[in-house]
Protein backbone atom coordinates (compact mmCIF):
# COMPACT_ATOMS: atom_id res chain seq x y z
CA UNK A 1 -0.97 -1.84 -15.79
CA UNK A 2 0.13 -1.85 -12.17
CA UNK A 3 -2.39 -3.63 -9.98
CA UNK A 4 -2.85 -5.71 -6.84
CA UNK A 5 -3.47 -9.38 -7.53
CA UNK A 6 -5.68 -10.55 -6.02
CA UNK A 7 -7.52 -7.30 -5.39
CA UNK A 8 -9.11 -8.67 -2.19
CA UNK A 9 -7.95 -11.29 0.29
CA UNK A 10 -9.87 -12.66 3.26
CA UNK A 11 -8.00 -13.85 6.33
CA UNK A 12 -8.73 -14.75 9.95
CA UNK A 13 -7.74 -12.44 12.83
CA UNK A 14 -4.05 -12.94 13.56
CA UNK A 15 -3.36 -13.85 9.93
CA UNK A 16 -0.42 -12.46 8.00
CA UNK A 17 -0.43 -11.17 4.44
CA UNK A 18 2.80 -11.05 2.45
CA UNK A 19 2.94 -8.47 -0.32
CA UNK A 20 5.32 -9.66 -3.04
CA UNK A 21 6.23 -6.79 -5.34
CA UNK A 22 8.48 -6.19 -8.28
CA UNK A 23 9.32 -2.66 -9.28
CA UNK A 24 9.21 0.61 -7.42
CA UNK A 25 6.15 -0.10 -5.26
CA UNK A 26 5.67 0.73 -1.60
CA UNK A 27 2.77 -0.72 0.38
CA UNK A 28 0.68 1.35 2.80
CA UNK A 29 -2.14 -0.01 4.94
CA UNK A 30 -5.09 2.16 6.02
CA UNK A 31 -7.47 1.38 8.85
CA UNK A 32 -10.95 -0.08 8.70
CA UNK A 33 -13.44 2.34 7.15
CA UNK A 34 -10.92 4.12 4.91
CA UNK A 35 -11.93 4.31 1.25
CA UNK A 36 -9.70 5.14 -1.74
CA UNK A 37 -11.34 8.56 -2.10
CA UNK A 38 -10.34 9.35 1.52
CA UNK A 39 -6.63 9.27 0.63
CA UNK A 40 -5.25 12.79 0.32
CA UNK A 41 -2.93 12.57 -2.67
CA UNK A 42 -1.65 16.13 -2.19
CA UNK A 43 0.22 15.12 0.99
CA UNK A 44 3.47 13.86 -0.48
CA UNK A 45 6.94 12.76 0.51
CA UNK A 46 9.94 13.42 -1.67
CA UNK A 47 11.16 10.45 -3.67
CA UNK A 48 13.93 8.44 -2.08
CA UNK A 49 17.33 9.56 -3.45
CA UNK A 50 18.22 7.35 -6.39
CA UNK A 51 14.60 6.34 -7.01
CA UNK A 52 12.44 7.52 -9.90
CA UNK A 53 11.67 11.25 -9.43
CA UNK A 54 8.03 10.68 -8.52
CA UNK A 55 6.66 11.61 -5.09
CA UNK A 56 5.15 9.15 -2.64
CA UNK A 57 1.74 9.55 -1.02
CA UNK A 58 2.25 10.39 2.65
CA UNK A 59 -1.28 10.82 4.03
CA UNK A 60 -1.03 9.85 7.72
CA UNK A 61 -4.78 9.99 8.48
CA UNK A 62 -5.92 6.46 9.42
CA UNK A 63 -2.66 4.96 8.17
CA UNK A 64 -1.77 1.77 10.03
CA UNK A 65 1.60 1.08 8.43
CA UNK A 66 4.00 1.71 5.58
CA UNK A 67 5.82 -1.50 4.79
CA UNK A 68 9.47 -1.22 3.89
CA UNK A 69 11.37 1.41 2.00
CA UNK A 70 10.66 2.05 -1.65
CA UNK A 71 12.95 -0.28 -3.64
CA UNK A 72 14.82 2.07 -5.97
CA UNK A 73 16.41 -0.64 -8.08
CA UNK A 74 13.01 -2.06 -8.96
CA UNK A 75 13.75 -5.63 -7.98
CA UNK A 76 11.51 -8.08 -6.15
CA UNK A 77 10.74 -7.56 -2.48
CA UNK A 78 8.33 -9.15 -0.02
CA UNK A 79 6.93 -7.38 3.02
CA UNK A 80 4.45 -8.82 5.50
CA UNK A 81 1.91 -7.53 7.98
CA UNK A 82 -0.16 -9.33 10.61
CA UNK A 83 -3.78 -8.18 10.96
CA UNK A 84 -5.29 -8.69 14.42
CA UNK A 85 -8.61 -6.85 14.35
CA UNK A 86 -11.62 -7.67 12.13
CA UNK A 87 -12.58 -5.30 9.32
CA UNK A 88 -11.77 -4.26 5.76
CA UNK A 89 -8.36 -2.60 5.40
CA UNK A 90 -7.37 -0.49 2.41
CA UNK A 91 -4.00 -1.33 0.84
CA UNK A 92 -2.38 1.16 -1.57
CA UNK A 93 0.83 1.63 -3.49
CA UNK A 94 2.24 4.96 -2.26
CA UNK A 95 3.94 5.64 -5.61
CA UNK A 96 1.69 8.56 -6.64
CA UNK A 97 0.94 7.63 -10.28
CA UNK A 98 0.26 4.00 -9.40
CA UNK A 99 -2.50 4.92 -6.95
CA UNK A 100 -3.81 8.13 -8.55
CA UNK A 101 -3.64 7.11 -12.21
CA UNK A 102 -3.87 3.31 -12.17
CA UNK A 103 -6.09 2.67 -9.10
CA UNK A 104 -3.40 0.49 -7.53
CA UNK A 105 -5.21 -0.43 -4.35
CA UNK A 106 -6.91 -3.42 -2.82
CA UNK A 107 -8.38 -4.85 0.36
CA UNK A 108 -7.55 -7.18 3.20
CA UNK A 109 -10.72 -8.39 4.91
CA UNK A 110 -10.17 -9.81 8.38
CA UNK A 111 -13.07 -11.92 9.63
């Protein structure tokens, strides 16, 4: 099952989190106060040419960042983001079935 490990990380303001993935994952970060049920999974982007033919979640409401392009070959990648403001940020995999079917999301808590 696709999942975020660990599901929650706690960092200090100004800390950086590196998301190490393997496969066809793409990381999106949503602002403080956003819950998984707030993500509109009907707003989609077409898959990247050459990638698996599955759409990507493209809900811009409260989105802070999308990190990197979807890796079509499925190899390992690492993308990082620095969090400056305190709060609990929602992290999702934009690959539609990973988020919608497998609850592939987690949290970065900045305190």
